[in-house]
Amino acid sequence: MHRDKSSVNIGKVVFRRKPMVRWFNPLQLLDTAVRVMVSFVFSTYADKRESFATTRKAPSYDYSGREELWLNYIADVGDGWNPT
């Protein structure tokens, strides 16, 4: 009895073998290279902070009536992850 190796039957489900993806196809490689270059160029100029600034207005607070103003902040001194 000859069995077709291109398909497998598991119960009521039939799985058919698909052709291999041609990763080294020159057209596929060219398309991938173009997409990488375009994303590299546009990602260099894309800053999410600029797009967030245009979508909503930041609240303003008036602290002119207070005698003292305390600010807490965290700064990165560039010493690596461990000091953080």
N, C-alpha and C. Protein backbone atom coordinates (compact mmCIF):
# COMPACT_ATOMS: atom_id res chain seq x y z
N MET A 1 0.84 -1.18 0.00
CA MET A 1 0.00 0.00 0.00
C MET A 1 0.89 1.24 0.00
N HIS A 2 0.68 2.14 -0.95
CA HIS A 2 1.48 3.36 -1.10
C HIS A 2 0.86 4.47 -0.27
N ARG A 3 1.67 5.12 0.56
CA ARG A 3 1.17 6.20 1.41
C ARG A 3 1.75 7.52 0.93
N ASP A 4 0.91 8.53 0.80
CA ASP A 4 1.34 9.86 0.36
C ASP A 4 2.02 10.56 1.53
N LYS A 5 3.30 10.94 1.39
CA LYS A 5 4.04 11.57 2.48
C LYS A 5 3.80 13.07 2.55
N SER A 6 3.07 13.63 1.59
CA SER A 6 2.83 15.07 1.61
C SER A 6 1.65 15.45 2.49
N SER A 7 0.88 14.49 2.96
CA SER A 7 -0.23 14.82 3.85
C SER A 7 -0.29 13.80 4.99
N VAL A 8 -0.76 14.26 6.12
CA VAL A 8 -0.87 13.42 7.31
C VAL A 8 -2.30 13.54 7.83
N ASN A 9 -2.91 12.43 8.12
CA ASN A 9 -4.26 12.42 8.67
C ASN A 9 -4.21 12.16 10.17
N ILE A 10 -4.77 13.06 10.94
CA ILE A 10 -4.90 12.87 12.38
C ILE A 10 -6.37 13.02 12.71
N GLY A 11 -7.02 11.90 12.86
CA GLY A 11 -8.47 11.95 13.10
C GLY A 11 -9.17 12.51 11.88
N LYS A 12 -9.90 13.59 12.07
CA LYS A 12 -10.63 14.22 10.97
C LYS A 12 -9.85 15.36 10.34
N VAL A 13 -8.67 15.68 10.89
CA VAL A 13 -7.88 16.80 10.41
C VAL A 13 -6.81 16.29 9.45
N VAL A 14 -6.67 16.96 8.33
CA VAL A 14 -5.66 16.59 7.35
C VAL A 14 -4.65 17.73 7.26
N PHE A 15 -3.38 17.41 7.51
CA PHE A 15 -2.31 18.39 7.40
C PHE A 15 -1.57 18.15 6.10
N ARG A 16 -1.49 19.20 5.28
CA ARG A 16 -0.77 19.09 4.01
C ARG A 16 0.54 19.85 4.11
N ARG A 17 1.58 19.23 3.62
CA ARG A 17 2.90 19.83 3.66
C ARG A 17 2.95 21.03 2.71
N LYS A 18 3.46 22.13 3.19
CA LYS A 18 3.60 23.35 2.40
C LYS A 18 5.02 23.44 1.87
N PRO A 19 5.23 24.18 0.79
CA PRO A 19 6.59 24.34 0.29
C PRO A 19 7.44 25.15 1.26
N MET A 20 8.73 24.94 1.22
CA MET A 20 9.65 25.64 2.11
C MET A 20 9.68 27.12 1.77
N VAL A 21 9.93 27.94 2.78
CA VAL A 21 10.08 29.37 2.58
C VAL A 21 11.45 29.62 1.97
N ARG A 22 11.51 30.44 0.98
CA ARG A 22 12.77 30.69 0.29
C ARG A 22 13.43 31.92 0.90
N TRP A 23 14.12 31.73 2.04
CA TRP A 23 14.74 32.83 2.76
C TRP A 23 15.85 33.48 1.95
N PHE A 24 16.55 32.71 1.14
CA PHE A 24 17.67 33.25 0.40
C PHE A 24 17.29 33.63 -1.02
N ASN A 25 16.01 33.78 -1.28
CA ASN A 25 15.54 34.28 -2.56
C ASN A 25 16.00 35.73 -2.69
N PRO A 26 16.68 36.09 -3.79
CA PRO A 26 17.19 37.46 -3.92
C PRO A 26 16.11 38.54 -3.79
N LEU A 27 14.93 38.29 -4.32
CA LEU A 27 13.86 39.29 -4.19
C LEU A 27 13.41 39.43 -2.74
N GLN A 28 13.35 38.31 -2.02
CA GLN A 28 12.97 38.37 -0.60
C GLN A 28 14.03 39.12 0.20
N LEU A 29 15.29 38.86 -0.08
CA LEU A 29 16.37 39.56 0.63
C LEU A 29 16.37 41.05 0.31
N LEU A 30 16.12 41.41 -0.94
CA LEU A 30 16.07 42.82 -1.32
C LEU A 30 14.90 43.52 -0.63
N ASP A 31 13.74 42.87 -0.60
CA ASP A 31 12.57 43.44 0.07
C ASP A 31 12.85 43.65 1.56
N THR A 32 13.47 42.67 2.19
CA THR A 32 13.80 42.79 3.61
C THR A 32 14.80 43.91 3.86
N ALA A 33 15.80 44.03 2.99
CA ALA A 33 16.81 45.09 3.14
C ALA A 33 16.17 46.48 3.00
N VAL A 34 15.26 46.64 2.06
CA VAL A 34 14.60 47.93 1.87
C VAL A 34 13.76 48.27 3.10
N ARG A 35 13.04 47.28 3.63
CA ARG A 35 12.21 47.53 4.82
C ARG A 35 13.07 47.90 6.03
N VAL A 36 14.21 47.26 6.19
CA VAL A 36 15.10 47.57 7.30
C VAL A 36 15.63 48.99 7.17
N MET A 37 16.04 49.38 5.97
CA MET A 37 16.58 50.73 5.77
C MET A 37 15.51 51.80 6.01
N VAL A 38 14.31 51.57 5.52
CA VAL A 38 13.23 52.54 5.72
C VAL A 38 12.90 52.67 7.20
N SER A 39 12.81 51.55 7.91
CA SER A 39 12.51 51.63 9.34
C SER A 39 13.65 52.28 10.10
N PHE A 40 14.89 52.06 9.67
CA PHE A 40 16.03 52.68 10.34
C PHE A 40 15.99 54.20 10.17
N VAL A 41 15.70 54.67 8.96
CA VAL A 41 15.67 56.11 8.70
C VAL A 41 14.55 56.78 9.48
N PHE A 42 13.35 56.20 9.44
CA PHE A 42 12.23 56.84 10.10
C PHE A 42 12.28 56.70 11.61
N SER A 43 12.86 55.62 12.11
CA SER A 43 12.93 55.47 13.56
C SER A 43 13.94 56.43 14.18
N THR A 44 14.90 56.89 13.38
CA THR A 44 15.87 57.86 13.87
C THR A 44 15.18 59.18 14.21
N TYR A 45 14.19 59.56 13.43
CA TYR A 45 13.52 60.85 13.61
C TYR A 45 12.21 60.73 14.38
N ALA A 46 11.82 59.53 14.74
CA ALA A 46 10.56 59.35 15.46
C ALA A 46 10.81 59.42 16.96
N ASP A 47 10.21 60.38 17.59
CA ASP A 47 10.33 60.53 19.03
C ASP A 47 8.92 60.51 19.60
N LYS A 48 8.60 59.55 20.42
CA LYS A 48 7.25 59.41 20.94
C LYS A 48 6.84 60.60 21.80
N ARG A 49 7.81 61.24 22.42
CA ARG A 49 7.46 62.39 23.27
C ARG A 49 6.86 63.52 22.44
N GLU A 50 7.34 63.69 21.21
CA GLU A 50 6.78 64.75 20.36
C GLU A 50 5.34 64.43 19.98
N SER A 51 5.06 63.18 19.69
CA SER A 51 3.68 62.83 19.33
C SER A 51 2.76 62.91 20.54
N PHE A 52 3.25 62.57 21.72
CA PHE A 52 2.42 62.71 22.92
C PHE A 52 2.16 64.17 23.24
N ALA A 53 3.10 65.03 22.97
CA ALA A 53 2.94 66.45 23.28
C ALA A 53 1.82 67.08 22.46
N THR A 54 1.60 66.58 21.28
CA THR A 54 0.56 67.15 20.43
C THR A 54 -0.82 66.58 20.72
N THR A 55 -0.89 65.45 21.41
CA THR A 55 -2.19 64.82 21.61
C THR A 55 -2.93 65.31 22.85
N ARG A 56 -2.21 65.79 23.83
CA ARG A 56 -2.90 66.25 25.03
C ARG A 56 -2.17 67.44 25.63
N LYS A 57 -2.93 68.24 26.33
CA LYS A 57 -2.36 69.43 26.95
C LYS A 57 -1.93 69.10 28.38
N ALA A 58 -0.74 69.52 28.72
CA ALA A 58 -0.22 69.27 30.07
C ALA A 58 -0.89 70.22 31.05
N PRO A 59 -1.23 69.72 32.24
CA PRO A 59 -1.86 70.60 33.24
C PRO A 59 -0.85 71.60 33.78
N SER A 60 -1.33 72.76 34.12
CA SER A 60 -0.45 73.78 34.71
C SER A 60 -0.90 74.02 36.16
N TYR A 61 0.09 74.24 37.01
CA TYR A 61 -0.18 74.45 38.43
C TYR A 61 0.44 75.78 38.86
N ASP A 62 -0.24 76.48 39.73
CA ASP A 62 0.26 77.76 40.23
C ASP A 62 0.67 77.60 41.69
N TYR A 63 1.98 77.70 41.93
CA TYR A 63 2.52 77.58 43.28
C TYR A 63 3.07 78.92 43.76
N SER A 64 2.65 80.01 43.18
CA SER A 64 3.20 81.31 43.53
C SER A 64 2.80 81.76 44.94
N GLY A 65 1.74 81.23 45.49
CA GLY A 65 1.29 81.64 46.81
C GLY A 65 1.99 80.92 47.95
N ARG A 66 2.84 79.97 47.67
CA ARG A 66 3.52 79.22 48.72
C ARG A 66 4.86 79.84 49.07
N GLU A 67 5.27 79.64 50.32
CA GLU A 67 6.57 80.14 50.74
C GLU A 67 7.70 79.21 50.32
N GLU A 68 7.45 77.90 50.34
CA GLU A 68 8.47 76.92 49.99
C GLU A 68 7.96 76.01 48.88
N LEU A 69 8.90 75.52 48.12
CA LEU A 69 8.59 74.56 47.07
C LEU A 69 9.64 73.47 47.09
N TRP A 70 9.22 72.25 47.34
CA TRP A 70 10.15 71.12 47.41
C TRP A 70 9.97 70.26 46.15
N LEU A 71 11.08 69.90 45.54
CA LEU A 71 11.07 69.04 44.36
C LEU A 71 11.92 67.81 44.62
N ASN A 72 11.40 66.67 44.30
CA ASN A 72 12.16 65.42 44.35
C ASN A 72 12.36 64.95 42.92
N TYR A 73 13.56 64.48 42.63
CA TYR A 73 13.81 63.97 41.29
C TYR A 73 14.84 62.84 41.35
N ILE A 74 14.84 62.06 40.32
CA ILE A 74 15.81 60.97 40.18
C ILE A 74 16.62 61.26 38.93
N ALA A 75 17.93 61.12 39.03
CA ALA A 75 18.80 61.37 37.89
C ALA A 75 19.67 60.15 37.63
N ASP A 76 19.96 59.92 36.39
CA ASP A 76 20.84 58.84 35.99
C ASP A 76 22.25 59.39 35.89
N VAL A 77 23.14 58.89 36.74
CA VAL A 77 24.51 59.37 36.72
C VAL A 77 25.40 58.56 35.79
N GLY A 78 24.84 57.53 35.18
CA GLY A 78 25.58 56.75 34.20
C GLY A 78 26.56 55.75 34.78
N ASP A 79 26.34 55.31 36.02
CA ASP A 79 27.25 54.37 36.66
C ASP A 79 26.89 52.92 36.40
N GLY A 80 25.90 52.67 35.62
CA GLY A 80 25.49 51.28 35.37
C GLY A 80 24.22 50.94 36.12
N TRP A 81 23.83 49.67 36.03
CA TRP A 81 22.57 49.26 36.60
C TRP A 81 22.64 49.06 38.11
N ASN A 82 23.76 48.55 38.64
CA ASN A 82 23.86 48.24 40.05
C ASN A 82 23.59 49.42 40.98
N PRO A 83 24.15 50.61 40.74
CA PRO A 83 23.84 51.74 41.62
C PRO A 83 22.39 52.17 41.57
N THR A 84 21.72 51.87 40.47
CA THR A 84 20.35 52.27 40.34
C THR A 84 19.49 51.48 41.29
